[in-house]
Amino acid sequence: MGADGEYHQHWKYADCGIELDMVSVKKGRPKRIGAITVTTPCSLQTTKGLRIGSTEQEVNKAYGHFKNQEESEQFESFVAGSIFGGLIFKFKQGKKVDSIFIGAGAE
């Protein structure tokens, strides 16, 4: 990948709503998880108990002190930390968490 100079593979597990971005320094070398995205039907939750279907209000209550105001968009996304490394909640129709992303969304 041009942005970071590393090799990326996307492993999708649609039946359980999980996608992993697997990264290695060199092609064919052991990989590490660079990012995780969860969507429906994933039932996993964050350490603060948020999951697919949680409300924006619940996200604000749990992660408000980590909110990145500049990178978050009300009714669309909530960025805890940064798009360069954080937790990103996306909302469906501005009401419920539709996906949760953990990692660097930008390089």
N, C-alpha and C. Protein backbone atom coordinates (compact mmCIF):
# COMPACT_ATOMS: atom_id res chain seq x y z
N MET A 1 0.85 -1.17 0.00
CA MET A 1 0.00 0.00 0.00
C MET A 1 0.90 1.23 0.00
N GLY A 2 0.60 2.15 -0.87
CA GLY A 2 1.42 3.33 -1.01
C GLY A 2 1.47 4.22 0.21
N ALA A 3 0.41 4.27 0.96
CA ALA A 3 0.34 5.18 2.11
C ALA A 3 1.31 4.81 3.21
N ASP A 4 1.54 3.51 3.43
CA ASP A 4 2.41 3.12 4.54
C ASP A 4 3.57 2.20 4.12
N GLY A 5 3.61 1.79 2.86
CA GLY A 5 4.69 0.96 2.37
C GLY A 5 4.63 -0.49 2.84
N GLU A 6 3.52 -0.90 3.46
CA GLU A 6 3.39 -2.26 3.95
C GLU A 6 2.42 -3.05 3.06
N TYR A 7 2.40 -4.34 3.24
CA TYR A 7 1.52 -5.22 2.48
C TYR A 7 0.24 -5.46 3.28
N HIS A 8 -0.91 -5.28 2.63
CA HIS A 8 -2.20 -5.42 3.30
C HIS A 8 -3.03 -6.51 2.62
N GLN A 9 -3.76 -7.24 3.44
CA GLN A 9 -4.77 -8.18 2.96
C GLN A 9 -6.04 -7.92 3.76
N HIS A 10 -7.17 -8.00 3.09
CA HIS A 10 -8.45 -7.83 3.77
C HIS A 10 -9.11 -9.20 3.91
N TRP A 11 -9.28 -9.61 5.14
CA TRP A 11 -9.93 -10.88 5.43
C TRP A 11 -11.35 -10.59 5.88
N LYS A 12 -12.34 -11.07 5.12
CA LYS A 12 -13.75 -10.82 5.43
C LYS A 12 -14.42 -12.09 5.93
N TYR A 13 -15.13 -11.92 7.02
CA TYR A 13 -15.93 -12.99 7.60
C TYR A 13 -17.38 -12.49 7.66
N ALA A 14 -18.01 -12.46 6.49
CA ALA A 14 -19.34 -11.87 6.36
C ALA A 14 -20.38 -12.53 7.26
N ASP A 15 -20.27 -13.83 7.45
CA ASP A 15 -21.26 -14.53 8.28
C ASP A 15 -21.27 -14.07 9.72
N CYS A 16 -20.15 -13.51 10.19
CA CYS A 16 -20.12 -13.02 11.57
C CYS A 16 -19.89 -11.51 11.62
N GLY A 17 -19.89 -10.82 10.48
CA GLY A 17 -19.80 -9.36 10.45
C GLY A 17 -18.46 -8.78 10.86
N ILE A 18 -17.37 -9.48 10.52
CA ILE A 18 -16.03 -9.01 10.90
C ILE A 18 -15.15 -8.92 9.66
N GLU A 19 -14.39 -7.82 9.57
CA GLU A 19 -13.40 -7.65 8.52
C GLU A 19 -12.09 -7.24 9.18
N LEU A 20 -11.01 -7.94 8.82
CA LEU A 20 -9.69 -7.65 9.37
C LEU A 20 -8.78 -7.12 8.27
N ASP A 21 -8.03 -6.09 8.58
CA ASP A 21 -6.97 -5.60 7.70
C ASP A 21 -5.68 -6.19 8.24
N MET A 22 -5.15 -7.16 7.52
CA MET A 22 -3.93 -7.86 7.94
C MET A 22 -2.74 -7.21 7.25
N VAL A 23 -1.67 -6.95 8.03
CA VAL A 23 -0.54 -6.18 7.55
C VAL A 23 0.76 -6.92 7.80
N SER A 24 1.67 -6.84 6.82
CA SER A 24 3.02 -7.37 7.02
C SER A 24 4.03 -6.39 6.42
N VAL A 25 5.22 -6.41 6.95
CA VAL A 25 6.28 -5.51 6.48
C VAL A 25 6.76 -5.94 5.10
N LYS A 26 6.83 -7.26 4.88
CA LYS A 26 7.26 -7.80 3.59
C LYS A 26 6.25 -8.82 3.11
N LYS A 27 6.13 -8.93 1.81
CA LYS A 27 5.21 -9.89 1.21
C LYS A 27 5.54 -11.31 1.67
N GLY A 28 4.50 -12.03 2.10
CA GLY A 28 4.67 -13.41 2.53
C GLY A 28 5.16 -13.56 3.97
N ARG A 29 5.39 -12.47 4.66
CA ARG A 29 5.86 -12.54 6.05
C ARG A 29 4.67 -12.64 7.00
N PRO A 30 4.92 -12.98 8.27
CA PRO A 30 3.83 -13.03 9.25
C PRO A 30 3.08 -11.70 9.30
N LYS A 31 1.79 -11.81 9.52
CA LYS A 31 0.92 -10.64 9.51
C LYS A 31 0.45 -10.29 10.92
N ARG A 32 0.07 -9.03 11.07
CA ARG A 32 -0.55 -8.53 12.30
C ARG A 32 -1.85 -7.86 11.90
N ILE A 33 -2.73 -7.69 12.86
CA ILE A 33 -3.99 -6.99 12.58
C ILE A 33 -3.72 -5.50 12.59
N GLY A 34 -4.04 -4.84 11.48
CA GLY A 34 -3.87 -3.39 11.38
C GLY A 34 -5.15 -2.65 11.71
N ALA A 35 -6.28 -3.27 11.42
CA ALA A 35 -7.58 -2.64 11.70
C ALA A 35 -8.66 -3.71 11.73
N ILE A 36 -9.73 -3.39 12.45
CA ILE A 36 -10.88 -4.28 12.56
C ILE A 36 -12.13 -3.47 12.29
N THR A 37 -13.02 -4.00 11.46
CA THR A 37 -14.33 -3.39 11.24
C THR A 37 -15.39 -4.43 11.56
N VAL A 38 -16.38 -4.04 12.35
CA VAL A 38 -17.49 -4.95 12.64
C VAL A 38 -18.80 -4.32 12.16
N THR A 39 -19.67 -5.16 11.63
CA THR A 39 -20.99 -4.75 11.14
C THR A 39 -21.97 -5.85 11.53
N THR A 40 -23.22 -5.66 11.16
CA THR A 40 -24.24 -6.69 11.38
C THR A 40 -23.81 -7.96 10.68
N PRO A 41 -23.87 -9.11 11.26
CA PRO A 41 -24.56 -9.53 12.47
C PRO A 41 -23.65 -9.64 13.70
N CYS A 42 -22.49 -8.99 13.68
CA CYS A 42 -21.53 -9.11 14.79
C CYS A 42 -22.17 -8.72 16.12
N SER A 43 -21.95 -9.53 17.12
CA SER A 43 -22.51 -9.24 18.45
C SER A 43 -21.43 -8.82 19.45
N LEU A 44 -20.19 -8.68 18.97
CA LEU A 44 -19.12 -8.21 19.86
C LEU A 44 -19.40 -6.79 20.31
N GLN A 45 -18.84 -6.42 21.46
CA GLN A 45 -19.03 -5.07 21.95
C GLN A 45 -17.72 -4.51 22.50
N THR A 46 -17.66 -3.20 22.61
CA THR A 46 -16.47 -2.55 23.15
C THR A 46 -16.41 -2.81 24.66
N THR A 47 -15.29 -2.43 25.27
CA THR A 47 -15.15 -2.60 26.71
C THR A 47 -16.16 -1.77 27.49
N LYS A 48 -16.75 -0.77 26.83
CA LYS A 48 -17.77 0.05 27.47
C LYS A 48 -19.18 -0.43 27.13
N GLY A 49 -19.28 -1.59 26.47
CA GLY A 49 -20.57 -2.21 26.21
C GLY A 49 -21.30 -1.73 24.97
N LEU A 50 -20.63 -1.00 24.08
CA LEU A 50 -21.30 -0.53 22.86
C LEU A 50 -21.14 -1.55 21.75
N ARG A 51 -22.16 -1.64 20.91
CA ARG A 51 -22.21 -2.65 19.86
C ARG A 51 -23.00 -2.11 18.68
N ILE A 52 -23.11 -2.93 17.64
CA ILE A 52 -23.97 -2.58 16.51
C ILE A 52 -25.38 -2.40 17.07
N GLY A 53 -26.01 -1.28 16.76
CA GLY A 53 -27.35 -1.00 17.26
C GLY A 53 -27.39 -0.03 18.43
N SER A 54 -26.22 0.25 19.05
CA SER A 54 -26.20 1.26 20.12
C SER A 54 -26.55 2.62 19.54
N THR A 55 -27.04 3.52 20.37
CA THR A 55 -27.43 4.84 19.90
C THR A 55 -26.26 5.83 19.96
N GLU A 56 -26.37 6.91 19.21
CA GLU A 56 -25.35 7.96 19.25
C GLU A 56 -25.25 8.53 20.66
N GLN A 57 -26.36 8.64 21.35
CA GLN A 57 -26.36 9.13 22.73
C GLN A 57 -25.54 8.20 23.63
N GLU A 58 -25.69 6.90 23.47
CA GLU A 58 -24.91 5.95 24.26
C GLU A 58 -23.41 6.07 23.96
N VAL A 59 -23.08 6.27 22.68
CA VAL A 59 -21.68 6.44 22.29
C VAL A 59 -21.11 7.70 22.94
N ASN A 60 -21.86 8.80 22.87
CA ASN A 60 -21.42 10.06 23.48
C ASN A 60 -21.22 9.92 24.98
N LYS A 61 -22.11 9.21 25.64
CA LYS A 61 -22.02 9.03 27.09
C LYS A 61 -20.77 8.22 27.45
N ALA A 62 -20.49 7.17 26.68
CA ALA A 62 -19.38 6.28 26.99
C ALA A 62 -18.02 6.85 26.57
N TYR A 63 -17.97 7.52 25.42
CA TYR A 63 -16.69 7.94 24.84
C TYR A 63 -16.57 9.45 24.63
N GLY A 64 -17.49 10.22 25.19
CA GLY A 64 -17.49 11.67 24.98
C GLY A 64 -16.19 12.36 25.29
N HIS A 65 -15.49 11.93 26.33
CA HIS A 65 -14.23 12.58 26.71
C HIS A 65 -13.10 12.26 25.73
N PHE A 66 -13.28 11.28 24.82
CA PHE A 66 -12.29 10.96 23.79
C PHE A 66 -12.69 11.50 22.42
N LYS A 67 -13.84 12.16 22.33
CA LYS A 67 -14.38 12.58 21.03
C LYS A 67 -13.48 13.59 20.33
N ASN A 68 -13.21 13.31 19.06
CA ASN A 68 -12.47 14.23 18.21
C ASN A 68 -13.52 15.05 17.47
N GLN A 69 -13.72 16.28 17.93
CA GLN A 69 -14.78 17.14 17.39
C GLN A 69 -14.58 17.43 15.90
N GLU A 70 -13.34 17.65 15.49
CA GLU A 70 -13.07 18.00 14.09
C GLU A 70 -13.34 16.86 13.12
N GLU A 71 -13.09 15.63 13.55
CA GLU A 71 -13.23 14.49 12.66
C GLU A 71 -14.57 13.78 12.77
N SER A 72 -15.35 14.10 13.78
CA SER A 72 -16.67 13.49 13.96
C SER A 72 -17.72 14.33 13.23
N GLU A 73 -18.77 13.66 12.77
CA GLU A 73 -19.90 14.34 12.12
C GLU A 73 -21.18 13.87 12.78
N GLN A 74 -21.88 14.82 13.40
CA GLN A 74 -23.12 14.46 14.10
C GLN A 74 -24.06 13.70 13.18
N PHE A 75 -24.67 12.66 13.69
CA PHE A 75 -25.60 11.77 13.00
C PHE A 75 -24.92 10.89 11.94
N GLU A 76 -23.60 11.03 11.73
CA GLU A 76 -22.92 10.21 10.74
C GLU A 76 -21.78 9.39 11.33
N SER A 77 -20.89 10.04 12.09
CA SER A 77 -19.75 9.32 12.65
C SER A 77 -19.28 9.96 13.95
N PHE A 78 -18.69 9.14 14.78
CA PHE A 78 -18.13 9.57 16.06
C PHE A 78 -16.72 9.01 16.10
N VAL A 79 -15.73 9.88 16.18
CA VAL A 79 -14.34 9.45 16.22
C VAL A 79 -13.80 9.63 17.63
N ALA A 80 -13.42 8.53 18.25
CA ALA A 80 -12.78 8.56 19.56
C ALA A 80 -11.29 8.40 19.29
N GLY A 81 -10.53 9.44 19.58
CA GLY A 81 -9.10 9.44 19.27
C GLY A 81 -8.88 10.22 17.99
N SER A 82 -8.48 9.52 16.94
CA SER A 82 -8.15 10.16 15.67
C SER A 82 -8.41 9.19 14.53
N ILE A 83 -8.58 9.72 13.33
CA ILE A 83 -8.71 8.84 12.17
C ILE A 83 -7.37 8.17 11.85
N PHE A 84 -6.30 8.64 12.48
CA PHE A 84 -4.98 8.03 12.30
C PHE A 84 -4.73 6.91 13.32
N GLY A 85 -5.68 6.68 14.19
CA GLY A 85 -5.59 5.61 15.17
C GLY A 85 -6.64 5.83 16.24
N GLY A 86 -7.73 5.12 16.14
CA GLY A 86 -8.79 5.30 17.12
C GLY A 86 -9.95 4.36 16.89
N LEU A 87 -11.06 4.76 17.45
CA LEU A 87 -12.29 4.00 17.39
C LEU A 87 -13.31 4.87 16.67
N ILE A 88 -13.88 4.36 15.58
CA ILE A 88 -14.81 5.15 14.78
C ILE A 88 -16.15 4.41 14.71
N PHE A 89 -17.19 5.09 15.18
CA PHE A 89 -18.55 4.57 15.10
C PHE A 89 -19.24 5.26 13.94
N LYS A 90 -19.86 4.49 13.04
CA LYS A 90 -20.66 5.05 11.95
C LYS A 90 -22.12 4.77 12.27
N PHE A 91 -22.97 5.74 11.97
CA PHE A 91 -24.38 5.63 12.30
C PHE A 91 -25.23 5.47 11.05
N LYS A 92 -26.24 4.61 11.13
CA LYS A 92 -27.19 4.41 10.04
C LYS A 92 -28.33 5.39 10.24
N GLN A 93 -28.56 6.20 9.24
CA GLN A 93 -29.64 7.18 9.27
C GLN A 93 -29.57 8.03 10.54
N GLY A 94 -28.34 8.24 11.05
CA GLY A 94 -28.14 9.12 12.19
C GLY A 94 -28.70 8.64 13.51
N LYS A 95 -29.05 7.37 13.60
CA LYS A 95 -29.71 6.90 14.81
C LYS A 95 -28.96 5.81 15.56
N LYS A 96 -28.51 4.79 14.86
CA LYS A 96 -27.92 3.62 15.51
C LYS A 96 -26.55 3.31 14.91
N VAL A 97 -25.68 2.71 15.73
CA VAL A 97 -24.37 2.31 15.24
C VAL A 97 -24.54 1.24 14.18
N ASP A 98 -23.97 1.51 13.00
CA ASP A 98 -24.05 0.62 11.86
C ASP A 98 -22.74 -0.15 11.68
N SER A 99 -21.62 0.49 12.09
CA SER A 99 -20.32 -0.18 12.03
C SER A 99 -19.39 0.43 13.08
N ILE A 100 -18.44 -0.38 13.50
CA ILE A 100 -17.41 0.05 14.44
C ILE A 100 -16.08 -0.30 13.82
N PHE A 101 -15.19 0.70 13.75
CA PHE A 101 -13.87 0.54 13.15
C PHE A 101 -12.82 0.82 14.23
N ILE A 102 -11.82 -0.05 14.32
CA ILE A 102 -10.72 0.13 15.26
C ILE A 102 -9.43 0.10 14.47
N GLY A 103 -8.65 1.17 14.53
CA GLY A 103 -7.38 1.21 13.81
C GLY A 103 -7.14 2.58 13.21
N ALA A 104 -6.29 2.60 12.19
CA ALA A 104 -5.98 3.84 11.48
C ALA A 104 -6.82 3.89 10.21
N GLY A 105 -7.73 4.86 10.15
CA GLY A 105 -8.57 5.01 8.97
C GLY A 105 -7.94 5.87 7.90
N ALA A 106 -6.82 6.50 8.22
CA ALA A 106 -6.08 7.33 7.27
C ALA A 106 -4.61 7.19 7.58
N GLU A 107 -3.81 7.34 6.59
CA GLU A 107 -2.34 7.25 6.78
C GLU A 107 -1.73 8.58 6.46
